């Protein structure tokens, strides 16, 4: 059965690899793509070193670098553009040194898209 809710998000096709140099923006750049003339609502795009993130967006939480109950492939299928990790918890387990030994947070959690971390 072809469930539209399970199809990849077509907006997610916009990734570091799919952009040419003219389309790319410096990490940290935010651009407003649409705004509600009647109020403060807006849609935008935040550019990161690991690709763009359209806003507003749903951001799954992976406290220790993994979203419970979902594989990376599942997150990609539902169109997740970014995940949230908790730097406080990651510093305790597995520890900053271990994450560094494994090639950094993106390699540790096998996620090549943007990651946002907070301190818990």
N, C-alpha and C. Protein backbone atom coordinates (compact mmCIF):
# COMPACT_ATOMS: atom_id res chain seq x y z
N UNK A 1 0.84 -1.17 0.00
CA UNK A 1 0.00 0.00 0.00
C UNK A 1 0.89 1.25 0.00
N UNK A 2 0.57 2.19 -0.87
CA UNK A 2 1.36 3.42 -0.98
C UNK A 2 0.73 4.50 -0.13
N UNK A 3 1.23 4.64 1.10
CA UNK A 3 0.71 5.62 2.04
C UNK A 3 1.44 6.95 1.84
N UNK A 4 0.72 8.02 1.43
CA UNK A 4 1.38 9.31 1.21
C UNK A 4 2.13 9.82 2.44
N UNK A 5 1.66 9.47 3.62
CA UNK A 5 2.32 9.94 4.84
C UNK A 5 3.71 9.33 5.01
N UNK A 6 3.95 8.20 4.33
CA UNK A 6 5.25 7.54 4.47
C UNK A 6 6.20 7.84 3.33
N UNK A 7 5.76 8.63 2.36
CA UNK A 7 6.65 9.00 1.26
C UNK A 7 7.70 9.99 1.75
N UNK A 8 8.89 9.94 1.15
CA UNK A 8 9.92 10.92 1.54
C UNK A 8 9.42 12.34 1.29
N UNK A 9 9.85 13.23 2.15
CA UNK A 9 9.49 14.64 2.02
C UNK A 9 10.22 15.21 0.81
N UNK A 10 9.50 15.70 -0.21
CA UNK A 10 10.19 16.21 -1.39
C UNK A 10 11.08 17.41 -1.07
N UNK A 11 10.73 18.18 -0.04
CA UNK A 11 11.58 19.31 0.34
C UNK A 11 12.93 18.82 0.82
N UNK A 12 12.99 17.60 1.38
CA UNK A 12 14.23 17.09 1.93
C UNK A 12 15.24 16.78 0.85
N UNK A 13 14.80 16.71 -0.40
CA UNK A 13 15.74 16.47 -1.48
C UNK A 13 16.77 17.60 -1.57
N UNK A 14 16.49 18.70 -0.92
CA UNK A 14 17.42 19.82 -0.87
C UNK A 14 18.47 19.51 0.18
N UNK A 15 19.61 19.02 -0.25
CA UNK A 15 20.67 18.64 0.68
C UNK A 15 22.00 19.22 0.19
N UNK A 16 23.01 19.08 1.01
CA UNK A 16 24.34 19.59 0.64
C UNK A 16 24.77 19.06 -0.72
N UNK A 17 24.54 17.77 -0.94
CA UNK A 17 25.01 17.13 -2.16
C UNK A 17 24.22 17.57 -3.38
N UNK A 18 22.94 17.93 -3.21
CA UNK A 18 22.10 18.26 -4.36
C UNK A 18 22.17 19.73 -4.76
N UNK A 19 22.86 20.54 -4.01
CA UNK A 19 22.92 21.97 -4.30
C UNK A 19 24.19 22.32 -5.06
N UNK A 20 24.06 23.22 -6.02
CA UNK A 20 25.27 23.71 -6.65
C UNK A 20 25.74 24.95 -5.87
N UNK A 21 26.90 25.44 -6.19
CA UNK A 21 27.49 26.54 -5.42
C UNK A 21 26.62 27.80 -5.42
N UNK A 22 25.87 28.03 -6.47
CA UNK A 22 25.03 29.23 -6.53
C UNK A 22 23.85 29.14 -5.57
N UNK A 23 23.39 27.93 -5.27
CA UNK A 23 22.25 27.76 -4.38
C UNK A 23 22.66 27.75 -2.91
N UNK A 24 23.90 27.42 -2.63
CA UNK A 24 24.35 27.23 -1.25
C UNK A 24 24.44 28.56 -0.50
N UNK A 25 24.18 28.53 0.81
CA UNK A 25 24.30 29.70 1.67
C UNK A 25 25.26 29.37 2.81
N UNK A 26 25.86 30.37 3.38
CA UNK A 26 26.78 30.17 4.50
C UNK A 26 26.03 29.60 5.70
N UNK A 27 26.66 28.66 6.44
CA UNK A 27 26.03 28.14 7.65
C UNK A 27 25.65 29.28 8.59
N UNK A 28 24.46 29.18 9.15
CA UNK A 28 23.95 30.22 10.04
C UNK A 28 23.05 31.22 9.34
N UNK A 29 23.02 31.16 8.01
CA UNK A 29 22.15 32.05 7.25
C UNK A 29 20.70 31.60 7.42
N UNK A 30 19.81 32.55 7.64
CA UNK A 30 18.38 32.26 7.71
C UNK A 30 17.68 33.15 6.70
N UNK A 31 16.85 32.54 5.87
CA UNK A 31 16.10 33.32 4.90
C UNK A 31 14.61 33.07 5.06
N UNK A 32 13.83 34.12 4.99
CA UNK A 32 12.38 34.01 5.06
C UNK A 32 11.87 33.67 3.66
N UNK A 33 11.13 32.57 3.56
CA UNK A 33 10.60 32.13 2.28
C UNK A 33 9.17 32.59 2.05
N UNK A 34 8.43 32.74 3.13
CA UNK A 34 7.03 33.20 3.05
C UNK A 34 6.66 33.82 4.39
N UNK A 35 5.81 34.83 4.34
CA UNK A 35 5.35 35.48 5.57
C UNK A 35 3.86 35.76 5.46
N UNK A 36 3.18 35.67 6.58
CA UNK A 36 1.76 35.97 6.65
C UNK A 36 1.60 37.49 6.78
N UNK A 37 0.98 38.14 5.81
CA UNK A 37 0.85 39.59 5.90
C UNK A 37 -0.07 40.05 7.02
N UNK A 38 -0.86 39.11 7.57
CA UNK A 38 -1.81 39.45 8.64
C UNK A 38 -1.25 39.20 10.04
N UNK A 39 -0.10 38.59 10.14
CA UNK A 39 0.42 38.26 11.47
C UNK A 39 1.89 37.92 11.43
N UNK A 40 2.42 37.37 12.54
CA UNK A 40 3.86 37.12 12.64
C UNK A 40 4.31 35.77 12.05
N UNK A 41 3.39 34.95 11.56
CA UNK A 41 3.78 33.63 11.04
C UNK A 41 4.67 33.77 9.82
N UNK A 42 5.65 32.87 9.72
CA UNK A 42 6.53 32.86 8.57
C UNK A 42 7.11 31.47 8.37
N UNK A 43 7.59 31.22 7.18
CA UNK A 43 8.30 30.00 6.86
C UNK A 43 9.68 30.42 6.37
N UNK A 44 10.68 29.64 6.73
CA UNK A 44 12.03 30.02 6.34
C UNK A 44 12.93 28.83 6.14
N UNK A 45 14.17 29.13 5.88
CA UNK A 45 15.18 28.09 5.71
C UNK A 45 16.43 28.52 6.46
N UNK A 46 16.90 27.64 7.34
CA UNK A 46 18.14 27.84 8.09
C UNK A 46 19.21 26.98 7.43
N UNK A 47 20.31 27.60 7.09
CA UNK A 47 21.40 26.88 6.44
C UNK A 47 22.43 26.46 7.48
N UNK A 48 22.83 25.19 7.43
CA UNK A 48 23.84 24.65 8.33
C UNK A 48 24.96 24.03 7.51
N UNK A 49 26.04 23.66 8.16
CA UNK A 49 27.15 23.00 7.48
C UNK A 49 26.75 21.62 6.95
N UNK A 50 25.66 21.06 7.47
CA UNK A 50 25.20 19.74 7.04
C UNK A 50 23.92 19.81 6.23
N UNK A 51 23.61 20.98 5.71
CA UNK A 51 22.44 21.12 4.86
C UNK A 51 21.41 22.07 5.42
N UNK A 52 20.42 22.39 4.60
CA UNK A 52 19.38 23.33 5.00
C UNK A 52 18.29 22.66 5.83
N UNK A 53 17.62 23.45 6.64
CA UNK A 53 16.47 23.00 7.43
C UNK A 53 15.34 23.99 7.19
N UNK A 54 14.23 23.49 6.66
CA UNK A 54 13.07 24.34 6.45
C UNK A 54 12.33 24.49 7.77
N UNK A 55 11.87 25.71 8.04
CA UNK A 55 11.14 25.97 9.28
C UNK A 55 9.76 26.51 8.94
N UNK A 56 8.76 26.21 9.75
CA UNK A 56 8.86 25.37 10.94
C UNK A 56 9.05 23.91 10.55
N UNK A 57 9.57 23.12 11.47
CA UNK A 57 9.77 21.70 11.20
C UNK A 57 9.60 20.91 12.50
N UNK A 58 9.37 19.62 12.33
CA UNK A 58 9.35 18.71 13.46
C UNK A 58 10.78 18.25 13.69
N UNK A 59 11.23 18.30 14.94
CA UNK A 59 12.59 17.91 15.28
C UNK A 59 12.55 16.75 16.27
N UNK A 60 12.79 15.50 15.80
CA UNK A 60 12.81 14.37 16.73
C UNK A 60 13.94 14.54 17.75
N UNK A 61 13.70 14.03 18.95
CA UNK A 61 14.67 14.15 20.03
C UNK A 61 15.42 12.83 20.20
N UNK A 62 16.74 12.90 20.10
CA UNK A 62 17.61 11.75 20.34
C UNK A 62 18.55 12.10 21.48
N UNK A 63 18.06 12.03 22.69
CA UNK A 63 18.81 12.49 23.86
C UNK A 63 20.24 11.98 23.87
N UNK A 64 20.42 10.68 23.67
CA UNK A 64 21.76 10.09 23.68
C UNK A 64 22.27 9.84 22.26
N UNK A 65 21.71 10.54 21.29
CA UNK A 65 22.14 10.36 19.92
C UNK A 65 21.29 9.39 19.13
N UNK A 66 20.24 8.86 19.73
CA UNK A 66 19.34 7.93 19.04
C UNK A 66 17.91 8.29 19.38
N UNK A 67 17.06 8.28 18.37
CA UNK A 67 15.63 8.51 18.58
C UNK A 67 15.02 7.16 18.91
N UNK A 68 14.47 7.03 20.10
CA UNK A 68 13.94 5.74 20.57
C UNK A 68 12.86 5.22 19.64
N UNK A 69 13.01 3.97 19.27
CA UNK A 69 11.99 3.29 18.47
C UNK A 69 12.05 3.55 16.98
N UNK A 70 12.98 4.38 16.52
CA UNK A 70 13.09 4.68 15.09
C UNK A 70 14.53 4.54 14.62
N UNK A 71 14.69 3.89 13.49
CA UNK A 71 16.00 3.79 12.85
C UNK A 71 16.24 5.05 12.03
N UNK A 72 17.49 5.29 11.68
CA UNK A 72 17.83 6.44 10.85
C UNK A 72 17.02 6.44 9.56
N UNK A 73 16.86 5.28 8.96
CA UNK A 73 16.09 5.18 7.72
C UNK A 73 14.65 5.62 7.92
N UNK A 74 14.06 5.28 9.08
CA UNK A 74 12.69 5.71 9.38
C UNK A 74 12.60 7.23 9.44
N UNK A 75 13.60 7.84 10.06
CA UNK A 75 13.61 9.30 10.17
C UNK A 75 13.72 9.95 8.80
N UNK A 76 14.49 9.34 7.91
CA UNK A 76 14.62 9.87 6.56
C UNK A 76 13.31 9.73 5.80
N UNK A 77 12.65 8.57 5.93
CA UNK A 77 11.40 8.32 5.22
C UNK A 77 10.32 9.33 5.60
N UNK A 78 10.25 9.68 6.88
CA UNK A 78 9.22 10.63 7.31
C UNK A 78 9.64 12.08 7.09
N UNK A 79 10.82 12.30 6.53
CA UNK A 79 11.23 13.65 6.15
C UNK A 79 11.92 14.45 7.23
N UNK A 80 12.47 13.80 8.24
CA UNK A 80 13.18 14.54 9.29
C UNK A 80 14.38 15.25 8.68
N UNK A 81 14.47 16.53 8.93
CA UNK A 81 15.57 17.33 8.39
C UNK A 81 16.67 17.55 9.42
N UNK A 82 16.33 17.41 10.69
CA UNK A 82 17.25 17.72 11.78
C UNK A 82 16.83 16.90 12.99
N UNK A 83 17.78 16.53 13.83
CA UNK A 83 17.43 15.88 15.09
C UNK A 83 18.10 16.64 16.24
N UNK A 84 17.54 16.47 17.41
CA UNK A 84 18.03 17.14 18.61
C UNK A 84 18.76 16.13 19.49
N UNK A 85 19.97 16.44 19.88
CA UNK A 85 20.73 15.63 20.83
C UNK A 85 20.99 16.45 22.09
N UNK A 86 21.28 15.79 23.16
CA UNK A 86 21.51 16.48 24.43
C UNK A 86 22.99 16.37 24.78
N UNK A 87 23.71 17.48 24.69
CA UNK A 87 25.16 17.45 24.92
C UNK A 87 25.51 17.08 26.36
N UNK A 88 24.66 17.43 27.31
CA UNK A 88 24.92 17.07 28.71
C UNK A 88 24.92 15.55 28.87
N UNK A 89 23.88 14.91 28.36
CA UNK A 89 23.79 13.45 28.48
C UNK A 89 24.87 12.75 27.66
N UNK A 90 25.14 13.25 26.45
CA UNK A 90 26.18 12.65 25.61
C UNK A 90 27.55 12.77 26.26
N UNK A 91 27.79 13.85 26.99
CA UNK A 91 29.08 14.03 27.67
C UNK A 91 29.27 13.01 28.78
N UNK A 92 28.17 12.57 29.38
CA UNK A 92 28.26 11.56 30.44
C UNK A 92 28.31 10.14 29.89
N UNK A 93 27.51 9.89 28.87
CA UNK A 93 27.48 8.57 28.25
C UNK A 93 27.13 8.73 26.79
N UNK A 94 27.99 8.45 25.90
CA UNK A 94 29.23 7.70 25.99
C UNK A 94 30.45 8.52 26.39
N UNK A 95 30.32 9.84 26.43
CA UNK A 95 31.44 10.70 26.79
C UNK A 95 32.02 11.40 25.57
N UNK A 96 32.48 12.61 25.77
CA UNK A 96 33.02 13.41 24.67
C UNK A 96 34.21 12.74 24.01
N UNK A 97 35.09 12.14 24.80
CA UNK A 97 36.28 11.48 24.23
C UNK A 97 35.87 10.33 23.32
N UNK A 98 34.89 9.56 23.73
CA UNK A 98 34.44 8.41 22.93
C UNK A 98 33.79 8.89 21.62
N UNK A 99 32.97 9.91 21.71
CA UNK A 99 32.34 10.46 20.50
C UNK A 99 33.42 10.96 19.54
N UNK A 100 34.41 11.64 20.08
CA UNK A 100 35.52 12.14 19.26
C UNK A 100 36.29 10.98 18.62
N UNK A 101 36.57 9.92 19.39
CA UNK A 101 37.27 8.74 18.86
C UNK A 101 36.51 8.10 17.71
N UNK A 102 35.20 8.15 17.78
CA UNK A 102 34.36 7.53 16.75
C UNK A 102 34.12 8.44 15.55
N UNK A 103 34.77 9.60 15.52
CA UNK A 103 34.68 10.46 14.35
C UNK A 103 33.74 11.64 14.46
N UNK A 104 33.30 11.95 15.67
CA UNK A 104 32.39 13.07 15.87
C UNK A 104 30.95 12.62 15.98
N UNK A 105 30.09 13.54 16.33
CA UNK A 105 28.69 13.20 16.60
C UNK A 105 27.97 12.67 15.37
N UNK A 106 28.19 13.26 14.20
CA UNK A 106 27.50 12.78 13.00
C UNK A 106 27.86 11.33 12.69
N UNK A 107 29.11 10.98 12.80
CA UNK A 107 29.51 9.58 12.54
C UNK A 107 29.03 8.66 13.66
N UNK A 108 29.10 9.12 14.88
CA UNK A 108 28.67 8.32 16.03
C UNK A 108 27.22 7.89 15.88
N UNK A 109 26.37 8.81 15.44
CA UNK A 109 24.95 8.46 15.33
C UNK A 109 24.53 8.14 13.89
N UNK A 110 25.48 8.08 12.97
CA UNK A 110 25.25 7.81 11.55
C UNK A 110 24.13 8.67 10.97
N UNK A 111 24.27 9.96 11.16
CA UNK A 111 23.29 10.94 10.66
C UNK A 111 24.06 12.03 9.94
N UNK A 112 23.83 12.18 8.62
CA UNK A 112 24.60 13.17 7.87
C UNK A 112 23.87 14.50 7.69
N UNK A 113 22.68 14.58 8.25
CA UNK A 113 21.90 15.82 8.19
C UNK A 113 22.18 16.66 9.43
N UNK A 114 21.58 17.84 9.52
CA UNK A 114 21.84 18.71 10.68
C UNK A 114 21.45 18.09 12.02
N UNK A 115 22.22 18.44 13.04
CA UNK A 115 21.95 18.06 14.43
C UNK A 115 21.98 19.33 15.26
N UNK A 116 21.01 19.48 16.13
CA UNK A 116 21.01 20.57 17.09
C UNK A 116 21.26 19.95 18.46
N UNK A 117 22.15 20.52 19.23
CA UNK A 117 22.37 20.01 20.59
C UNK A 117 22.02 21.09 21.59
N UNK A 118 21.51 20.65 22.73
CA UNK A 118 21.27 21.57 23.83
C UNK A 118 22.00 21.03 25.05
N UNK A 119 22.00 21.78 26.11
CA UNK A 119 22.78 21.37 27.28
C UNK A 119 21.95 20.61 28.31
N UNK A 120 20.71 20.39 28.03
CA UNK A 120 19.88 19.61 28.95
C UNK A 120 19.31 20.44 30.03
